[in-house]
């Protein structure tokens, strides 16, 4: 992950500020930086979104393609995640560094979406055991300015909200052979229900306290962080500790409570932006990206 080198005096300044609930950029411990979300930014995709969180910039494209259901789940479609860490995002992504982080992020996304309720995978089934939709979620890290996991989870949820999958009819002839007919009406499509898709909230322990949405400088002062995925109802679906330091049980409990509280308000704010973008329809001015 991208990192910065701070002197001991700089670290001390950040740590003391956090103890007083006053961070270097003026935020309190539970405040996010301004989040910019734009959907429908990449042409030739089923859905897309771009999220900027401080200096972190994420682009997500979603493509639905027809495939065969997995043997163990014959009546469901499935999601596939791929994460590309652009070497332009930070020098540390040149060579193998970006690949390792990409794999770690993809594995985290698989775990977050492994919950039965996050996406209705049965709605992606076309023909049990024969045909289903496979939803490919491609994440591109354009710039890293701290708090990658939260920004990526917001972008993935926004892109899935924006995804439209063509409606399909299965026609069977007298011999019993099946033919699949795709609707060519762009409005005749399946929308994914993303209400239960969790967002990740990363809580970084700095000194005796913890903060959300840490900057690169704050991450350099934190020895341990807790990644928790939270639904819009405030339910915790998965948890992972990252970093070399340890966390005591009391801290973990406090961080979980903060994560649930902050996660709920994050979902509300995100849904409001997504609904506003949707209501503008084709009339909204697109900043666009690769359009």
Protein backbone atom coordinates (compact mmCIF):
# COMPACT_ATOMS: atom_id res chain seq x y z
CA UNK A 1 0.00 0.00 0.00
CA UNK A 2 1.16 3.53 -0.71
CA UNK A 3 3.03 4.99 2.23
CA UNK A 4 4.77 8.19 3.28
CA UNK A 5 7.79 8.71 5.50
CA UNK A 6 7.23 11.04 8.46
CA UNK A 7 9.67 12.36 11.03
CA UNK A 8 9.06 11.52 14.71
CA UNK A 9 8.00 15.15 15.34
CA UNK A 10 5.39 14.97 12.55
CA UNK A 11 4.04 11.68 13.89
CA UNK A 12 3.81 13.14 17.39
CA UNK A 13 1.91 16.15 16.06
CA UNK A 14 -0.65 13.90 14.30
CA UNK A 15 -1.03 11.54 17.30
CA UNK A 16 -1.55 14.43 19.77
CA UNK A 17 -4.12 16.00 17.47
CA UNK A 18 -6.09 12.74 17.22
CA UNK A 19 -6.17 12.46 21.04
CA UNK A 20 -7.89 15.89 21.06
CA UNK A 21 -10.34 14.83 18.29
CA UNK A 22 -8.73 17.35 15.95
CA UNK A 23 -6.98 15.99 12.89
CA UNK A 24 -4.44 17.84 10.75
CA UNK A 25 -7.07 18.65 8.08
CA UNK A 26 -9.57 19.90 10.68
CA UNK A 27 -11.79 16.80 10.79
CA UNK A 28 -12.98 14.99 13.90
CA UNK A 29 -12.10 11.32 14.44
CA UNK A 30 -15.36 10.05 12.88
CA UNK A 31 -15.51 12.39 9.86
CA UNK A 32 -14.94 11.36 6.26
CA UNK A 33 -13.34 13.63 3.69
CA UNK A 34 -15.59 14.87 0.89
CA UNK A 35 -16.62 11.92 -1.31
CA UNK A 36 -17.29 12.58 -5.01
CA UNK A 37 -19.31 9.92 -6.80
CA UNK A 38 -20.14 9.81 -10.50
CA UNK A 39 -21.91 6.88 -12.18
CA UNK A 40 -22.22 5.79 -15.81
CA UNK A 41 -18.75 7.07 -16.72
CA UNK A 42 -17.37 4.27 -18.92
CA UNK A 43 -18.98 3.37 -22.24
CA UNK A 44 -19.28 -0.31 -23.28
CA UNK A 45 -19.96 -1.48 -19.73
CA UNK A 46 -23.14 -2.71 -18.03
CA UNK A 47 -22.48 -0.19 -15.23
CA UNK A 48 -19.65 1.99 -13.95
CA UNK A 49 -18.69 4.52 -11.27
CA UNK A 50 -15.81 6.77 -10.32
CA UNK A 51 -15.16 7.76 -6.71
CA UNK A 52 -12.78 10.39 -5.41
CA UNK A 53 -12.07 10.46 -1.69
CA UNK A 54 -9.44 13.08 -0.89
CA UNK A 55 -6.53 12.12 -3.16
CA UNK A 56 -7.78 8.57 -3.64
CA UNK A 57 -9.31 8.04 -7.09
CA UNK A 58 -11.07 4.78 -8.04
CA UNK A 59 -12.75 3.69 -11.27
CA UNK A 60 -15.01 0.62 -11.40
CA UNK A 61 -16.50 -0.97 -14.52
CA UNK A 62 -19.06 -3.80 -14.42
CA UNK A 63 -19.70 -6.16 -17.32
CA UNK A 64 -22.39 -8.85 -17.33
CA UNK A 65 -21.63 -11.81 -19.59
CA UNK A 66 -23.44 -15.08 -20.05
CA UNK A 67 -21.81 -18.11 -18.45
CA UNK A 68 -22.55 -21.47 -16.85
CA UNK A 69 -23.63 -21.69 -13.19
CA UNK A 70 -21.18 -23.23 -10.74
CA UNK A 71 -21.85 -26.90 -9.98
CA UNK A 72 -22.45 -26.30 -6.27
CA UNK A 73 -24.91 -23.44 -6.99
CA UNK A 74 -26.79 -24.47 -10.15
CA UNK A 75 -29.54 -21.84 -9.81
CA UNK A 76 -27.34 -18.77 -9.21
CA UNK A 77 -25.13 -16.40 -11.16
CA UNK A 78 -21.93 -15.08 -9.58
CA UNK A 79 -19.58 -12.12 -9.27
CA UNK A 80 -15.91 -12.03 -10.29
CA UNK A 81 -13.55 -9.32 -9.04
CA UNK A 82 -10.38 -8.03 -10.67
CA UNK A 83 -8.28 -5.20 -9.23
CA UNK A 84 -5.67 -3.34 -11.26
CA UNK A 85 -3.28 -1.06 -9.39
CA UNK A 86 -2.08 1.46 -11.96
CA UNK A 87 1.67 2.09 -11.72
CA UNK A 88 0.81 5.80 -12.07
CA UNK A 89 -1.11 5.71 -8.78
CA UNK A 90 2.04 5.35 -6.69
CA UNK A 91 5.65 4.31 -7.49
CA UNK A 92 5.22 1.32 -5.16
CA UNK A 93 2.86 -0.30 -7.66
CA UNK A 94 5.62 -0.74 -10.23
CA UNK A 95 6.69 -4.36 -10.57
CA UNK A 96 5.08 -6.86 -8.17
CA UNK A 97 3.86 -4.40 -5.51
CA UNK A 98 0.64 -3.56 -7.32
CA UNK A 99 -0.17 -7.21 -8.07
CA UNK A 100 0.03 -8.26 -4.42
CA UNK A 101 -2.19 -5.40 -3.28
CA UNK A 102 -4.62 -6.08 -6.16
CA UNK A 103 -4.96 -9.71 -5.05
CA UNK A 104 -5.45 -8.67 -1.41
CA UNK A 105 -8.21 -6.19 -2.35
CA UNK A 106 -9.93 -8.72 -4.64
CA UNK A 107 -9.87 -11.36 -1.86
CA UNK A 108 -11.35 -8.82 0.57
CA UNK A 109 -14.16 -8.03 -1.92
CA UNK A 110 -14.91 -11.77 -2.36
CA UNK A 111 -15.21 -12.07 1.42
CA UNK A 112 -17.45 -9.00 1.71
CA UNK A 113 -19.75 -10.33 -1.02
CA UNK A 114 -19.74 -13.93 0.23
CA UNK A 115 -22.70 -13.10 2.48
CA UNK A 116 -25.85 -14.69 1.02
CA UNK A 117 -27.85 -11.48 1.32
CA UNK A 118 -25.46 -8.93 -0.27
CA UNK A 119 -26.61 -9.49 -3.89
CA UNK A 120 -29.52 -11.70 -4.98
CA UNK A 121 -27.50 -14.15 -7.09
CA UNK A 122 -30.61 -16.19 -7.92
CA UNK A 123 -31.89 -13.23 -9.96
CA UNK A 124 -28.80 -13.72 -12.20
CA UNK A 125 -29.82 -17.28 -13.11
CA UNK A 126 -31.27 -17.66 -16.62
CA UNK A 127 -31.59 -21.45 -16.85
CA UNK A 128 -30.65 -23.63 -13.85
CA UNK A 129 -27.45 -25.63 -14.50
CA UNK A 130 -27.19 -24.18 -18.03
CA UNK A 131 -27.03 -20.40 -18.26
CA UNK A 132 -26.49 -17.56 -15.84
CA UNK A 133 -25.11 -14.04 -15.79
CA UNK A 134 -21.54 -13.68 -14.59
CA UNK A 135 -20.95 -10.14 -13.31
CA UNK A 136 -17.33 -9.08 -13.80
CA UNK A 137 -16.35 -6.19 -11.51
CA UNK A 138 -13.12 -4.48 -12.63
CA UNK A 139 -11.54 -2.05 -10.18
CA UNK A 140 -8.84 0.38 -11.34
CA UNK A 141 -6.82 2.34 -8.77
CA UNK A 142 -5.94 5.64 -10.43
CA UNK A 143 -4.51 7.43 -7.40
CA UNK A 144 -3.82 6.42 -3.80
CA UNK A 145 -4.26 9.00 -1.07
CA UNK A 146 -5.13 6.76 1.87
CA UNK A 147 -8.18 4.70 2.83
CA UNK A 148 -8.28 2.56 -0.31
CA UNK A 149 -10.69 -0.13 0.88
CA UNK A 150 -13.51 2.26 1.83
CA UNK A 151 -13.24 4.16 -1.47
CA UNK A 152 -13.23 0.91 -3.46
CA UNK A 153 -16.28 -0.47 -1.65
CA UNK A 154 -18.20 2.78 -2.29
CA UNK A 155 -17.24 2.68 -5.99
CA UNK A 156 -18.23 -1.00 -6.32
CA UNK A 157 -21.63 -0.38 -4.72
CA UNK A 158 -22.23 2.67 -6.96
CA UNK A 159 -21.23 0.74 -10.11
CA UNK A 160 -23.49 -2.22 -9.20
CA UNK A 161 -26.36 0.25 -8.58
CA UNK A 162 -25.72 1.67 -12.07
CA UNK A 163 -25.60 -1.81 -13.70
CA UNK A 164 -28.28 -2.78 -16.19
CA UNK A 165 -28.45 -6.37 -17.44
CA UNK A 166 -30.55 -7.16 -20.54
CA UNK A 167 -33.72 -9.18 -19.96
CA UNK A 168 -33.60 -12.66 -21.43
CA UNK A 169 -36.24 -15.02 -22.78
CA UNK A 170 -35.58 -18.74 -23.09
CA UNK A 171 -37.39 -20.20 -26.10
CA UNK A 172 -37.79 -23.96 -26.46
CA UNK A 173 -38.62 -25.62 -29.76
CA UNK A 174 -40.47 -28.92 -30.31
CA UNK A 175 -37.26 -30.98 -30.14
CA UNK A 176 -36.55 -29.51 -26.71
CA UNK A 177 -33.51 -27.47 -27.73
CA UNK A 178 -33.38 -24.08 -26.05
CA UNK A 179 -32.60 -20.74 -27.58
CA UNK A 180 -31.81 -17.59 -25.68
CA UNK A 181 -33.17 -14.28 -26.87
CA UNK A 182 -31.77 -11.03 -25.47
CA UNK A 183 -33.98 -7.98 -25.28
CA UNK A 184 -32.57 -5.14 -27.39
CA UNK A 185 -34.66 -2.52 -25.59
CA UNK A 186 -32.21 -0.64 -23.29
CA UNK A 187 -35.04 0.00 -20.80
CA UNK A 188 -36.03 -3.67 -20.68
CA UNK A 189 -33.38 -4.71 -18.19
CA UNK A 190 -32.68 -6.23 -14.79
CA UNK A 191 -31.40 -3.92 -12.06
CA UNK A 192 -29.42 -5.33 -9.17
CA UNK A 193 -30.84 -4.65 -5.72
CA UNK A 194 -27.89 -3.14 -3.83
CA UNK A 195 -29.72 -2.28 -0.60
CA UNK A 196 -27.86 -5.02 1.31
CA UNK A 197 -24.48 -4.52 -0.40
CA UNK A 198 -22.09 -3.62 2.45
CA UNK A 199 -19.57 -0.80 2.48
CA UNK A 200 -16.17 -1.18 4.12
CA UNK A 201 -15.29 1.13 7.00
CA UNK A 202 -11.59 1.15 7.92
CA UNK A 203 -10.80 2.22 11.48
CA UNK A 204 -7.15 3.09 12.10
CA UNK A 205 -5.82 3.01 15.65
CA UNK A 206 -3.65 6.07 16.34
CA UNK A 207 -2.38 6.40 19.90
CA UNK A 208 -5.28 5.59 22.24
CA UNK A 209 -7.98 6.53 19.76
CA UNK A 210 -9.15 5.43 16.32
CA UNK A 211 -10.08 7.42 13.22
CA UNK A 212 -12.09 6.70 10.07
CA UNK A 213 -10.93 7.61 6.55
CA UNK A 214 -7.24 7.97 7.42
CA UNK A 215 -4.99 9.98 5.12
CA UNK A 216 -1.61 8.57 4.03
CA UNK A 217 0.06 10.58 6.81
CA UNK A 218 -2.33 9.16 9.42
CA UNK A 219 -1.84 5.63 8.07
CA UNK A 220 1.90 6.11 8.65
CA UNK A 221 1.13 6.75 12.36
CA UNK A 222 -1.15 3.73 12.73
CA UNK A 223 0.21 0.29 13.60
CA UNK A 224 -3.11 -1.54 13.27
CA UNK A 225 -6.44 -1.03 11.51
CA UNK A 226 -9.74 -2.86 11.50
CA UNK A 227 -11.62 -3.31 8.22
CA UNK A 228 -15.27 -3.98 8.82
CA UNK A 229 -18.03 -4.37 6.25
CA UNK A 230 -21.34 -2.84 7.31
CA UNK A 231 -24.77 -2.97 5.69
CA UNK A 232 -27.10 0.02 5.39
CA UNK A 233 -28.95 -1.28 8.48
CA UNK A 234 -25.73 -1.20 10.49
CA UNK A 235 -25.20 -4.98 10.53
CA UNK A 236 -21.59 -6.13 10.58
CA UNK A 237 -20.91 -8.81 7.92
CA UNK A 238 -17.13 -9.31 8.06
CA UNK A 239 -14.08 -8.07 9.90
CA UNK A 240 -10.32 -8.15 9.25
CA UNK A 241 -7.34 -6.76 11.12
CA UNK A 242 -4.51 -5.27 9.07
CA UNK A 243 -1.15 -3.87 10.12
CA UNK A 244 1.72 -5.10 12.28
CA UNK A 245 0.39 -3.86 15.64
CA UNK A 246 -2.07 -5.55 17.97
CA UNK A 247 -5.53 -4.47 19.12
CA UNK A 248 -6.89 -5.15 22.59
CA UNK A 249 -10.47 -6.51 22.95
CA UNK A 250 -11.82 -3.22 24.34
CA UNK A 251 -10.45 -1.26 21.35
CA UNK A 252 -11.90 -3.81 18.92
CA UNK A 253 -15.35 -3.50 20.52
CA UNK A 254 -15.21 0.32 20.39
CA UNK A 255 -14.03 0.25 16.76
CA UNK A 256 -16.86 -2.11 15.78
CA UNK A 257 -19.43 0.21 17.38
CA UNK A 258 -17.94 3.25 15.62
CA UNK A 259 -17.83 1.33 12.33
CA UNK A 260 -21.51 0.40 12.54
CA UNK A 261 -22.53 3.96 13.36
CA UNK A 262 -20.35 5.58 10.69
CA UNK A 263 -21.23 2.87 8.14
CA UNK A 264 -24.95 3.57 8.45
CA UNK A 265 -24.50 7.29 7.74
CA UNK A 266 -22.11 6.49 4.87
CA UNK A 267 -24.80 4.32 3.21
CA UNK A 268 -27.44 7.03 3.65
CA UNK A 269 -25.20 9.69 2.07
CA UNK A 270 -24.21 7.37 -0.81
CA UNK A 271 -27.80 6.34 -1.58
CA UNK A 272 -28.84 10.01 -1.64
CA UNK A 273 -26.14 10.79 -4.26
CA UNK A 274 -27.06 7.72 -6.34
CA UNK A 275 -30.77 8.60 -6.30
CA UNK A 276 -30.00 12.21 -7.29
CA UNK A 277 -27.81 11.08 -10.21
CA UNK A 278 -30.52 8.64 -11.32
CA UNK A 279 -33.28 11.26 -11.19
CA UNK A 280 -31.36 13.52 -13.57
CA UNK A 281 -31.43 10.75 -16.21
CA UNK A 282 -29.91 11.63 -19.57
CA UNK A 283 -30.14 15.37 -18.87
CA UNK A 284 -27.25 15.41 -16.39
CA UNK A 285 -23.98 16.88 -17.48
CA UNK A 286 -21.32 14.18 -17.56
CA UNK A 287 -17.77 14.90 -16.59
CA UNK A 288 -17.15 11.48 -18.07
CA UNK A 289 -14.15 9.22 -18.28
CA UNK A 290 -13.15 7.16 -21.30
CA UNK A 291 -16.60 8.11 -22.60
